[in-house]
Amino acid sequence: MLIRFAFAFLLMPTLAVAQDCPANLPEDPRLGPLMEQVKTAPDEMSALLTTNELWAVWATAPDEQAQEILDVGIERRALNDLESARAAFDALIEYCPDYAEGYNQRAFVSVISGKIEQALPDLDRAIELDPDHYPALTGRAMVLMHMGRLQEASETLQTALDLNPWLPERRFMADLPETRL
């Protein structure tokens, strides 16, 4: 794994220049049915299992190179090497600026690094690229709550709950202002 990490980081700058990230890839055929399945799940466990399947879709990068960079970033984050994780997600975003999960992962690193407000632009971009990415929506709601922007947090969390009504973060709705319709 260390060799993979070192190799990936040594090659990232040259690979990113050598070719472009594929654009306008077809939507994963699993996405629509899984989104409907999670929206209509009969209970929290069913929704969780479907969310796990959705993570497999969201974490499938546009090409092999992007996948390698994403995997390195996730591995580094899991090892609490947040600086290297952030560098990997920076490289992924530079290489694939239209891949929502790169921004979502970098936002997560910002949050766990204690740079919570720094996560908001990345979450906004992830949502812009994939409006149904309810983990990014939920992350945005939590960041907004931290910032004291409770009305926006409520609206964002409600949007996430419209996509997955079983999110554990639903418990925060009781502490937030009612959403404006």
N, C-alpha and C. Protein backbone atom coordinates (compact mmCIF):
# COMPACT_ATOMS: atom_id res chain seq x y z
N MET A 1 0.83 -1.19 0.00
CA MET A 1 0.00 0.00 0.00
C MET A 1 0.88 1.25 0.00
N LEU A 2 1.97 1.25 0.74
CA LEU A 2 2.85 2.41 0.78
C LEU A 2 3.42 2.69 -0.61
N ILE A 3 3.77 1.62 -1.32
CA ILE A 3 4.30 1.79 -2.66
C ILE A 3 3.22 2.40 -3.56
N ARG A 4 1.99 1.90 -3.44
CA ARG A 4 0.89 2.44 -4.23
C ARG A 4 0.71 3.93 -3.94
N PHE A 5 0.77 4.30 -2.67
CA PHE A 5 0.61 5.70 -2.26
C PHE A 5 1.71 6.56 -2.86
N ALA A 6 2.95 6.14 -2.69
CA ALA A 6 4.07 6.91 -3.20
C ALA A 6 4.01 7.01 -4.72
N PHE A 7 3.73 5.91 -5.36
CA PHE A 7 3.64 5.88 -6.81
C PHE A 7 2.55 6.82 -7.31
N ALA A 8 1.39 6.76 -6.69
CA ALA A 8 0.27 7.60 -7.12
C ALA A 8 0.61 9.08 -6.98
N PHE A 9 1.22 9.46 -5.87
CA PHE A 9 1.52 10.87 -5.67
C PHE A 9 2.65 11.36 -6.55
N LEU A 10 3.59 10.51 -6.88
CA LEU A 10 4.65 10.92 -7.78
C LEU A 10 4.12 11.15 -9.19
N LEU A 11 3.15 10.35 -9.60
CA LEU A 11 2.64 10.44 -10.96
C LEU A 11 1.47 11.39 -11.13
N MET A 12 0.80 11.76 -10.06
CA MET A 12 -0.40 12.58 -10.19
C MET A 12 -0.23 13.81 -11.07
N PRO A 13 0.78 14.64 -10.84
CA PRO A 13 0.89 15.84 -11.66
C PRO A 13 1.12 15.51 -13.15
N THR A 14 1.94 14.51 -13.45
CA THR A 14 2.21 14.22 -14.85
C THR A 14 1.02 13.53 -15.51
N LEU A 15 0.33 12.68 -14.79
CA LEU A 15 -0.84 12.02 -15.36
C LEU A 15 -1.94 13.02 -15.65
N ALA A 16 -2.13 13.96 -14.76
CA ALA A 16 -3.19 14.94 -14.95
C ALA A 16 -2.94 15.77 -16.21
N VAL A 17 -1.70 16.01 -16.53
CA VAL A 17 -1.38 16.78 -17.72
C VAL A 17 -1.43 15.88 -18.96
N ALA A 18 -1.13 14.61 -18.78
CA ALA A 18 -1.03 13.70 -19.91
C ALA A 18 -2.37 13.43 -20.58
N GLN A 19 -3.45 13.46 -19.86
CA GLN A 19 -4.76 13.21 -20.46
C GLN A 19 -5.82 13.94 -19.66
N ASP A 20 -6.98 14.04 -20.25
CA ASP A 20 -8.09 14.71 -19.58
C ASP A 20 -9.02 13.69 -18.96
N CYS A 21 -9.67 14.12 -17.91
CA CYS A 21 -10.70 13.30 -17.29
C CYS A 21 -11.86 13.17 -18.27
N PRO A 22 -12.42 11.99 -18.40
CA PRO A 22 -13.57 11.85 -19.30
C PRO A 22 -14.72 12.74 -18.86
N ALA A 23 -15.33 13.40 -19.81
CA ALA A 23 -16.47 14.27 -19.51
C ALA A 23 -17.74 13.64 -20.07
N ASN A 24 -18.84 14.03 -19.48
CA ASN A 24 -20.16 13.60 -19.95
C ASN A 24 -20.29 12.08 -20.06
N LEU A 25 -19.84 11.40 -19.03
CA LEU A 25 -20.02 9.96 -19.00
C LEU A 25 -21.50 9.64 -18.80
N PRO A 26 -21.95 8.51 -19.33
CA PRO A 26 -23.35 8.15 -19.10
C PRO A 26 -23.59 7.89 -17.61
N GLU A 27 -24.80 8.21 -17.17
CA GLU A 27 -25.15 7.98 -15.77
C GLU A 27 -25.15 6.48 -15.49
N ASP A 28 -24.66 6.11 -14.34
CA ASP A 28 -24.66 4.71 -13.92
C ASP A 28 -26.10 4.22 -13.89
N PRO A 29 -26.41 3.13 -14.58
CA PRO A 29 -27.80 2.66 -14.63
C PRO A 29 -28.36 2.23 -13.28
N ARG A 30 -27.49 2.00 -12.31
CA ARG A 30 -27.97 1.62 -10.97
C ARG A 30 -28.51 2.82 -10.20
N LEU A 31 -28.09 4.03 -10.58
CA LEU A 31 -28.38 5.22 -9.78
C LEU A 31 -29.88 5.48 -9.62
N GLY A 32 -30.61 5.58 -10.71
CA GLY A 32 -32.05 5.88 -10.64
C GLY A 32 -32.83 4.90 -9.78
N PRO A 33 -32.71 3.61 -10.06
CA PRO A 33 -33.44 2.65 -9.23
C PRO A 33 -33.04 2.68 -7.75
N LEU A 34 -31.76 2.86 -7.48
CA LEU A 34 -31.32 2.92 -6.08
C LEU A 34 -31.84 4.17 -5.39
N MET A 35 -31.87 5.30 -6.09
CA MET A 35 -32.40 6.53 -5.49
C MET A 35 -33.89 6.35 -5.17
N GLU A 36 -34.62 5.71 -6.05
CA GLU A 36 -36.05 5.46 -5.78
C GLU A 36 -36.20 4.48 -4.63
N GLN A 37 -35.35 3.48 -4.58
CA GLN A 37 -35.40 2.48 -3.52
C GLN A 37 -35.13 3.10 -2.15
N VAL A 38 -34.15 3.99 -2.06
CA VAL A 38 -33.85 4.60 -0.77
C VAL A 38 -34.96 5.57 -0.36
N LYS A 39 -35.54 6.25 -1.33
CA LYS A 39 -36.62 7.21 -1.05
C LYS A 39 -37.85 6.50 -0.49
N THR A 40 -38.09 5.28 -0.93
CA THR A 40 -39.29 4.54 -0.52
C THR A 40 -38.98 3.40 0.44
N ALA A 41 -37.79 3.39 0.99
CA ALA A 41 -37.40 2.31 1.91
C ALA A 41 -38.39 2.21 3.08
N PRO A 42 -38.74 1.00 3.47
CA PRO A 42 -39.72 0.83 4.54
C PRO A 42 -39.17 1.08 5.94
N ASP A 43 -37.83 1.07 6.07
CA ASP A 43 -37.25 1.26 7.40
C ASP A 43 -35.80 1.72 7.27
N GLU A 44 -35.23 2.08 8.39
CA GLU A 44 -33.88 2.64 8.42
C GLU A 44 -32.83 1.65 7.91
N MET A 45 -32.96 0.38 8.28
CA MET A 45 -31.96 -0.62 7.85
C MET A 45 -32.00 -0.80 6.33
N SER A 46 -33.18 -0.84 5.76
CA SER A 46 -33.29 -0.95 4.29
C SER A 46 -32.64 0.24 3.61
N ALA A 47 -32.89 1.43 4.15
CA ALA A 47 -32.30 2.65 3.59
C ALA A 47 -30.78 2.62 3.72
N LEU A 48 -30.28 2.13 4.83
CA LEU A 48 -28.84 2.05 5.04
C LEU A 48 -28.19 1.09 4.03
N LEU A 49 -28.82 -0.05 3.82
CA LEU A 49 -28.28 -1.01 2.86
C LEU A 49 -28.28 -0.43 1.44
N THR A 50 -29.33 0.28 1.10
CA THR A 50 -29.38 0.92 -0.22
C THR A 50 -28.34 2.02 -0.32
N THR A 51 -28.17 2.78 0.75
CA THR A 51 -27.14 3.83 0.76
C THR A 51 -25.76 3.23 0.53
N ASN A 52 -25.49 2.08 1.12
CA ASN A 52 -24.21 1.41 0.88
C ASN A 52 -24.03 1.09 -0.59
N GLU A 53 -25.10 0.68 -1.26
CA GLU A 53 -25.02 0.43 -2.70
C GLU A 53 -24.81 1.73 -3.47
N LEU A 54 -25.45 2.80 -3.01
CA LEU A 54 -25.26 4.10 -3.65
C LEU A 54 -23.82 4.58 -3.50
N TRP A 55 -23.21 4.31 -2.34
CA TRP A 55 -21.80 4.70 -2.17
C TRP A 55 -20.92 4.04 -3.22
N ALA A 56 -21.27 2.80 -3.60
CA ALA A 56 -20.49 2.13 -4.65
C ALA A 56 -20.61 2.89 -5.97
N VAL A 57 -21.76 3.49 -6.22
CA VAL A 57 -21.95 4.29 -7.44
C VAL A 57 -21.19 5.61 -7.31
N TRP A 58 -21.42 6.33 -6.22
CA TRP A 58 -20.77 7.64 -6.04
C TRP A 58 -19.25 7.53 -6.03
N ALA A 59 -18.73 6.42 -5.50
CA ALA A 59 -17.28 6.26 -5.37
C ALA A 59 -16.67 5.54 -6.57
N THR A 60 -17.41 5.49 -7.66
CA THR A 60 -16.85 4.98 -8.92
C THR A 60 -16.45 6.20 -9.75
N ALA A 61 -15.17 6.39 -9.85
CA ALA A 61 -14.62 7.56 -10.53
C ALA A 61 -14.75 7.42 -12.04
N PRO A 62 -14.61 8.54 -12.76
CA PRO A 62 -14.80 8.54 -14.22
C PRO A 62 -13.83 7.67 -15.01
N ASP A 63 -12.64 7.44 -14.50
CA ASP A 63 -11.70 6.57 -15.20
C ASP A 63 -10.74 5.95 -14.19
N GLU A 64 -9.87 5.11 -14.69
CA GLU A 64 -8.95 4.37 -13.82
C GLU A 64 -8.02 5.30 -13.04
N GLN A 65 -7.52 6.32 -13.72
CA GLN A 65 -6.61 7.26 -13.06
C GLN A 65 -7.33 7.99 -11.92
N ALA A 66 -8.53 8.48 -12.20
CA ALA A 66 -9.30 9.17 -11.15
C ALA A 66 -9.63 8.22 -10.01
N GLN A 67 -9.92 6.97 -10.34
CA GLN A 67 -10.22 5.99 -9.31
C GLN A 67 -9.02 5.76 -8.39
N GLU A 68 -7.86 5.69 -9.00
CA GLU A 68 -6.64 5.50 -8.21
C GLU A 68 -6.43 6.68 -7.25
N ILE A 69 -6.62 7.88 -7.74
CA ILE A 69 -6.44 9.07 -6.89
C ILE A 69 -7.47 9.08 -5.77
N LEU A 70 -8.73 8.79 -6.12
CA LEU A 70 -9.79 8.73 -5.11
C LEU A 70 -9.46 7.69 -4.05
N ASP A 71 -9.06 6.51 -4.48
CA ASP A 71 -8.75 5.43 -3.54
C ASP A 71 -7.60 5.82 -2.62
N VAL A 72 -6.58 6.48 -3.17
CA VAL A 72 -5.45 6.92 -2.34
C VAL A 72 -5.94 7.93 -1.30
N GLY A 73 -6.76 8.88 -1.72
CA GLY A 73 -7.29 9.87 -0.78
C GLY A 73 -8.09 9.23 0.34
N ILE A 74 -8.93 8.28 -0.02
CA ILE A 74 -9.75 7.59 0.99
C ILE A 74 -8.87 6.78 1.93
N GLU A 75 -7.86 6.11 1.39
CA GLU A 75 -6.92 5.34 2.22
C GLU A 75 -6.18 6.27 3.19
N ARG A 76 -5.70 7.40 2.69
CA ARG A 76 -4.95 8.34 3.54
C ARG A 76 -5.85 8.90 4.63
N ARG A 77 -7.10 9.21 4.28
CA ARG A 77 -8.04 9.72 5.27
C ARG A 77 -8.30 8.66 6.34
N ALA A 78 -8.46 7.42 5.93
CA ALA A 78 -8.70 6.34 6.89
C ALA A 78 -7.52 6.16 7.85
N LEU A 79 -6.33 6.50 7.39
CA LEU A 79 -5.14 6.43 8.23
C LEU A 79 -4.88 7.72 9.00
N ASN A 80 -5.84 8.64 8.91
CA ASN A 80 -5.76 9.94 9.57
C ASN A 80 -4.60 10.79 9.06
N ASP A 81 -4.15 10.51 7.86
CA ASP A 81 -3.14 11.33 7.20
C ASP A 81 -3.91 12.36 6.36
N LEU A 82 -4.44 13.34 7.06
CA LEU A 82 -5.38 14.28 6.43
C LEU A 82 -4.71 15.19 5.41
N GLU A 83 -3.46 15.51 5.64
CA GLU A 83 -2.74 16.36 4.68
C GLU A 83 -2.58 15.64 3.34
N SER A 84 -2.20 14.38 3.39
CA SER A 84 -2.06 13.61 2.14
C SER A 84 -3.42 13.34 1.51
N ALA A 85 -4.43 13.10 2.34
CA ALA A 85 -5.78 12.89 1.81
C ALA A 85 -6.24 14.13 1.06
N ARG A 86 -6.03 15.29 1.67
CA ARG A 86 -6.43 16.54 1.02
C ARG A 86 -5.66 16.75 -0.28
N ALA A 87 -4.37 16.43 -0.28
CA ALA A 87 -3.58 16.56 -1.51
C ALA A 87 -4.13 15.65 -2.60
N ALA A 88 -4.53 14.46 -2.23
CA ALA A 88 -5.10 13.54 -3.22
C ALA A 88 -6.41 14.09 -3.77
N PHE A 89 -7.28 14.60 -2.89
CA PHE A 89 -8.55 15.12 -3.37
C PHE A 89 -8.36 16.41 -4.17
N ASP A 90 -7.36 17.20 -3.80
CA ASP A 90 -7.01 18.38 -4.62
C ASP A 90 -6.63 17.92 -6.03
N ALA A 91 -5.79 16.89 -6.10
CA ALA A 91 -5.36 16.37 -7.40
C ALA A 91 -6.54 15.80 -8.18
N LEU A 92 -7.44 15.12 -7.49
CA LEU A 92 -8.61 14.55 -8.15
C LEU A 92 -9.49 15.66 -8.73
N ILE A 93 -9.70 16.70 -7.96
CA ILE A 93 -10.53 17.82 -8.43
C ILE A 93 -9.86 18.54 -9.60
N GLU A 94 -8.55 18.68 -9.53
CA GLU A 94 -7.83 19.32 -10.64
C GLU A 94 -7.96 18.47 -11.91
N TYR A 95 -7.86 17.17 -11.74
CA TYR A 95 -7.95 16.26 -12.89
C TYR A 95 -9.39 16.11 -13.39
N CYS A 96 -10.34 15.97 -12.47
CA CYS A 96 -11.75 15.75 -12.81
C CYS A 96 -12.62 16.81 -12.13
N PRO A 97 -12.62 18.02 -12.63
CA PRO A 97 -13.35 19.10 -11.96
C PRO A 97 -14.87 18.94 -11.98
N ASP A 98 -15.39 17.99 -12.73
CA ASP A 98 -16.84 17.78 -12.78
C ASP A 98 -17.27 16.50 -12.07
N TYR A 99 -16.41 15.93 -11.25
CA TYR A 99 -16.71 14.71 -10.50
C TYR A 99 -17.08 15.11 -9.07
N ALA A 100 -18.36 15.00 -8.74
CA ALA A 100 -18.89 15.49 -7.46
C ALA A 100 -18.21 14.86 -6.25
N GLU A 101 -17.89 13.60 -6.33
CA GLU A 101 -17.36 12.93 -5.14
C GLU A 101 -16.00 13.46 -4.73
N GLY A 102 -15.24 13.99 -5.67
CA GLY A 102 -13.96 14.60 -5.29
C GLY A 102 -14.17 15.76 -4.33
N TYR A 103 -15.15 16.59 -4.62
CA TYR A 103 -15.46 17.73 -3.75
C TYR A 103 -16.05 17.26 -2.42
N ASN A 104 -16.92 16.26 -2.48
CA ASN A 104 -17.52 15.75 -1.25
C ASN A 104 -16.45 15.18 -0.32
N GLN A 105 -15.52 14.44 -0.88
CA GLN A 105 -14.45 13.85 -0.06
C GLN A 105 -13.53 14.93 0.51
N ARG A 106 -13.21 15.93 -0.29
CA ARG A 106 -12.35 17.00 0.22
C ARG A 106 -13.07 17.78 1.33
N ALA A 107 -14.37 17.97 1.18
CA ALA A 107 -15.14 18.63 2.24
C ALA A 107 -15.10 17.82 3.52
N PHE A 108 -15.21 16.52 3.40
CA PHE A 108 -15.16 15.65 4.59
C PHE A 108 -13.82 15.80 5.30
N VAL A 109 -12.74 15.86 4.53
CA VAL A 109 -11.42 16.06 5.12
C VAL A 109 -11.35 17.42 5.83
N SER A 110 -11.95 18.43 5.23
CA SER A 110 -11.97 19.75 5.89
C SER A 110 -12.68 19.67 7.23
N VAL A 111 -13.82 18.99 7.26
CA VAL A 111 -14.59 18.88 8.50
C VAL A 111 -13.79 18.14 9.57
N ILE A 112 -13.23 17.00 9.23
CA ILE A 112 -12.51 16.24 10.25
C ILE A 112 -11.18 16.88 10.61
N SER A 113 -10.71 17.81 9.79
CA SER A 113 -9.50 18.57 10.12
C SER A 113 -9.82 19.77 11.01
N GLY A 114 -11.10 19.98 11.29
CA GLY A 114 -11.50 21.12 12.11
C GLY A 114 -11.65 22.41 11.31
N LYS A 115 -11.57 22.32 10.00
CA LYS A 115 -11.72 23.50 9.13
C LYS A 115 -13.12 23.44 8.52
N ILE A 116 -14.12 23.45 9.38
CA ILE A 116 -15.49 23.15 9.00
C ILE A 116 -16.01 24.11 7.94
N GLU A 117 -15.80 25.39 8.14
CA GLU A 117 -16.34 26.37 7.19
C GLU A 117 -15.70 26.24 5.81
N GLN A 118 -14.47 25.72 5.77
CA GLN A 118 -13.77 25.52 4.51
C GLN A 118 -14.49 24.45 3.66
N ALA A 119 -15.29 23.62 4.29
CA ALA A 119 -16.00 22.55 3.57
C ALA A 119 -17.15 23.07 2.72
N LEU A 120 -17.73 24.20 3.08
CA LEU A 120 -18.96 24.66 2.43
C LEU A 120 -18.82 24.85 0.92
N PRO A 121 -17.79 25.52 0.41
CA PRO A 121 -17.70 25.66 -1.06
C PRO A 121 -17.59 24.32 -1.77
N ASP A 122 -16.89 23.37 -1.18
CA ASP A 122 -16.78 22.05 -1.80
C ASP A 122 -18.13 21.33 -1.79
N LEU A 123 -18.85 21.43 -0.70
CA LEU A 123 -20.17 20.80 -0.64
C LEU A 123 -21.12 21.45 -1.64
N ASP A 124 -21.06 22.77 -1.73
CA ASP A 124 -21.89 23.47 -2.71
C ASP A 124 -21.59 22.99 -4.13
N ARG A 125 -20.31 22.82 -4.44
CA ARG A 125 -19.93 22.37 -5.79
C ARG A 125 -20.37 20.92 -6.02
N ALA A 126 -20.21 20.07 -5.02
CA ALA A 126 -20.66 18.68 -5.15
C ALA A 126 -22.15 18.62 -5.44
N ILE A 127 -22.92 19.43 -4.73
CA ILE A 127 -24.37 19.45 -4.91
C ILE A 127 -24.74 20.05 -6.27
N GLU A 128 -23.99 21.05 -6.69
CA GLU A 128 -24.23 21.64 -8.01
C GLU A 128 -24.05 20.56 -9.09
N LEU A 129 -23.02 19.75 -8.93
CA LEU A 129 -22.74 18.69 -9.90
C LEU A 129 -23.70 17.51 -9.79
N ASP A 130 -24.15 17.23 -8.57
CA ASP A 130 -25.04 16.09 -8.32
C ASP A 130 -26.07 16.49 -7.28
N PRO A 131 -27.17 17.10 -7.70
CA PRO A 131 -28.18 17.60 -6.75
C PRO A 131 -28.81 16.52 -5.87
N ASP A 132 -28.71 15.26 -6.28
CA ASP A 132 -29.28 14.17 -5.49
C ASP A 132 -28.28 13.52 -4.55
N HIS A 133 -27.10 14.08 -4.43
CA HIS A 133 -26.06 13.51 -3.56
C HIS A 133 -26.40 13.87 -2.11
N TYR A 134 -27.28 13.07 -1.51
CA TYR A 134 -27.76 13.44 -0.18
C TYR A 134 -26.70 13.39 0.91
N PRO A 135 -25.61 12.62 0.80
CA PRO A 135 -24.55 12.79 1.80
C PRO A 135 -23.92 14.19 1.75
N ALA A 136 -23.75 14.74 0.54
CA ALA A 136 -23.22 16.10 0.44
C ALA A 136 -24.23 17.10 0.99
N LEU A 137 -25.51 16.88 0.70
CA LEU A 137 -26.55 17.76 1.25
C LEU A 137 -26.56 17.70 2.78
N THR A 138 -26.46 16.50 3.31
CA THR A 138 -26.44 16.35 4.77
C THR A 138 -25.20 17.02 5.36
N GLY A 139 -24.06 16.82 4.73
CA GLY A 139 -22.84 17.48 5.19
C GLY A 139 -22.99 18.99 5.16
N ARG A 140 -23.59 19.50 4.10
CA ARG A 140 -23.83 20.95 4.00
C ARG A 140 -24.72 21.43 5.14
N ALA A 141 -25.78 20.68 5.41
CA ALA A 141 -26.68 21.06 6.51
C ALA A 141 -25.93 21.11 7.84
N MET A 142 -25.06 20.14 8.08
CA MET A 142 -24.32 20.10 9.35
C MET A 142 -23.35 21.28 9.44
N VAL A 143 -22.69 21.61 8.33
CA VAL A 143 -21.78 22.76 8.30
C VAL A 143 -22.56 24.05 8.56
N LEU A 144 -23.70 24.20 7.91
CA LEU A 144 -24.52 25.39 8.12
C LEU A 144 -25.00 25.49 9.57
N MET A 145 -25.34 24.37 10.17
CA MET A 145 -25.73 24.39 11.59
C MET A 145 -24.57 24.90 12.43
N HIS A 146 -23.38 24.39 12.15
CA HIS A 146 -22.18 24.81 12.88
C HIS A 146 -21.96 26.32 12.73
N MET A 147 -22.28 26.85 11.57
CA MET A 147 -22.08 28.27 11.29
C MET A 147 -23.22 29.14 11.83
N GLY A 148 -24.25 28.50 12.38
CA GLY A 148 -25.38 29.25 12.91
C GLY A 148 -26.38 29.68 11.86
N ARG A 149 -26.26 29.17 10.67
CA ARG A 149 -27.17 29.50 9.56
C ARG A 149 -28.29 28.47 9.54
N LEU A 150 -29.15 28.55 10.56
CA LEU A 150 -30.11 27.49 10.84
C LEU A 150 -31.22 27.37 9.80
N GLN A 151 -31.69 28.46 9.25
CA GLN A 151 -32.75 28.36 8.24
C GLN A 151 -32.22 27.63 7.00
N GLU A 152 -31.03 28.00 6.55
CA GLU A 152 -30.42 27.31 5.40
C GLU A 152 -30.16 25.85 5.72
N ALA A 153 -29.71 25.59 6.95
CA ALA A 153 -29.45 24.21 7.36
C ALA A 153 -30.74 23.40 7.30
N SER A 154 -31.81 23.98 7.79
CA SER A 154 -33.10 23.29 7.79
C SER A 154 -33.55 22.97 6.36
N GLU A 155 -33.44 23.95 5.48
CA GLU A 155 -33.86 23.74 4.09
C GLU A 155 -32.99 22.69 3.40
N THR A 156 -31.70 22.73 3.65
CA THR A 156 -30.79 21.77 3.04
C THR A 156 -31.05 20.36 3.57
N LEU A 157 -31.21 20.26 4.88
CA LEU A 157 -31.48 18.95 5.47
C LEU A 157 -32.82 18.40 4.97
N GLN A 158 -33.81 19.26 4.83
CA GLN A 158 -35.09 18.79 4.30
C GLN A 158 -34.95 18.26 2.88
N THR A 159 -34.13 18.92 2.08
CA THR A 159 -33.88 18.43 0.72
C THR A 159 -33.25 17.04 0.77
N ALA A 160 -32.29 16.85 1.67
CA ALA A 160 -31.66 15.53 1.83
C ALA A 160 -32.70 14.50 2.28
N LEU A 161 -33.55 14.89 3.22
CA LEU A 161 -34.56 13.96 3.73
C LEU A 161 -35.62 13.63 2.68
N ASP A 162 -35.85 14.53 1.76
CA ASP A 162 -36.76 14.23 0.65
C ASP A 162 -36.20 13.10 -0.22
N LEU A 163 -34.89 13.00 -0.26
CA LEU A 163 -34.22 11.95 -1.03
C LEU A 163 -34.07 10.66 -0.23
N ASN A 164 -33.82 10.80 1.07
CA ASN A 164 -33.68 9.64 1.95
C ASN A 164 -34.27 10.01 3.31
N PRO A 165 -35.52 9.64 3.55
CA PRO A 165 -36.19 10.02 4.79
C PRO A 165 -35.65 9.34 6.04
N TRP A 166 -34.75 8.38 5.87
CA TRP A 166 -34.22 7.63 7.01
C TRP A 166 -32.84 8.09 7.46
N LEU A 167 -32.36 9.19 6.95
CA LEU A 167 -31.03 9.67 7.36
C LEU A 167 -30.97 9.83 8.87
N PRO A 168 -29.88 9.40 9.50
CA PRO A 168 -29.75 9.57 10.95
C PRO A 168 -29.84 11.04 11.37
N GLU A 169 -29.42 11.95 10.49
CA GLU A 169 -29.43 13.38 10.81
C GLU A 169 -30.84 13.95 10.90
N ARG A 170 -31.85 13.16 10.59
CA ARG A 170 -33.23 13.64 10.68
C ARG A 170 -33.57 14.10 12.09
N ARG A 171 -32.85 13.60 13.07
CA ARG A 171 -33.10 13.98 14.46
C ARG A 171 -32.85 15.47 14.71
N PHE A 172 -32.05 16.10 13.84
CA PHE A 172 -31.75 17.52 14.02
C PHE A 172 -32.89 18.43 13.57
N MET A 173 -33.82 17.89 12.79
CA MET A 173 -34.92 18.73 12.29
C MET A 173 -35.73 19.35 13.43
N ALA A 174 -35.84 18.65 14.55
CA ALA A 174 -36.62 19.17 15.67
C ALA A 174 -35.98 20.44 16.25
N ASP A 175 -34.68 20.60 16.07
CA ASP A 175 -33.97 21.77 16.62
C ASP A 175 -33.81 22.89 15.60
N LEU A 176 -34.30 22.69 14.39
CA LEU A 176 -34.13 23.68 13.33
C LEU A 176 -35.44 24.38 13.04
N PRO A 177 -35.36 25.59 12.48
CA PRO A 177 -36.59 26.29 12.11
C PRO A 177 -37.33 25.50 11.02
N GLU A 178 -38.63 25.69 10.96
CA GLU A 178 -39.40 25.03 9.91
C GLU A 178 -38.91 25.51 8.55
N THR A 179 -38.94 24.61 7.60
CA THR A 179 -38.49 25.00 6.27
C THR A 179 -39.55 25.84 5.58
N ARG A 180 -39.08 26.78 4.80
CA ARG A 180 -39.98 27.62 4.01
C ARG A 180 -40.33 26.87 2.75
N LEU A 181 -41.58 26.84 2.41
CA LEU A 181 -41.98 26.16 1.17
C LEU A 181 -42.36 27.14 0.10
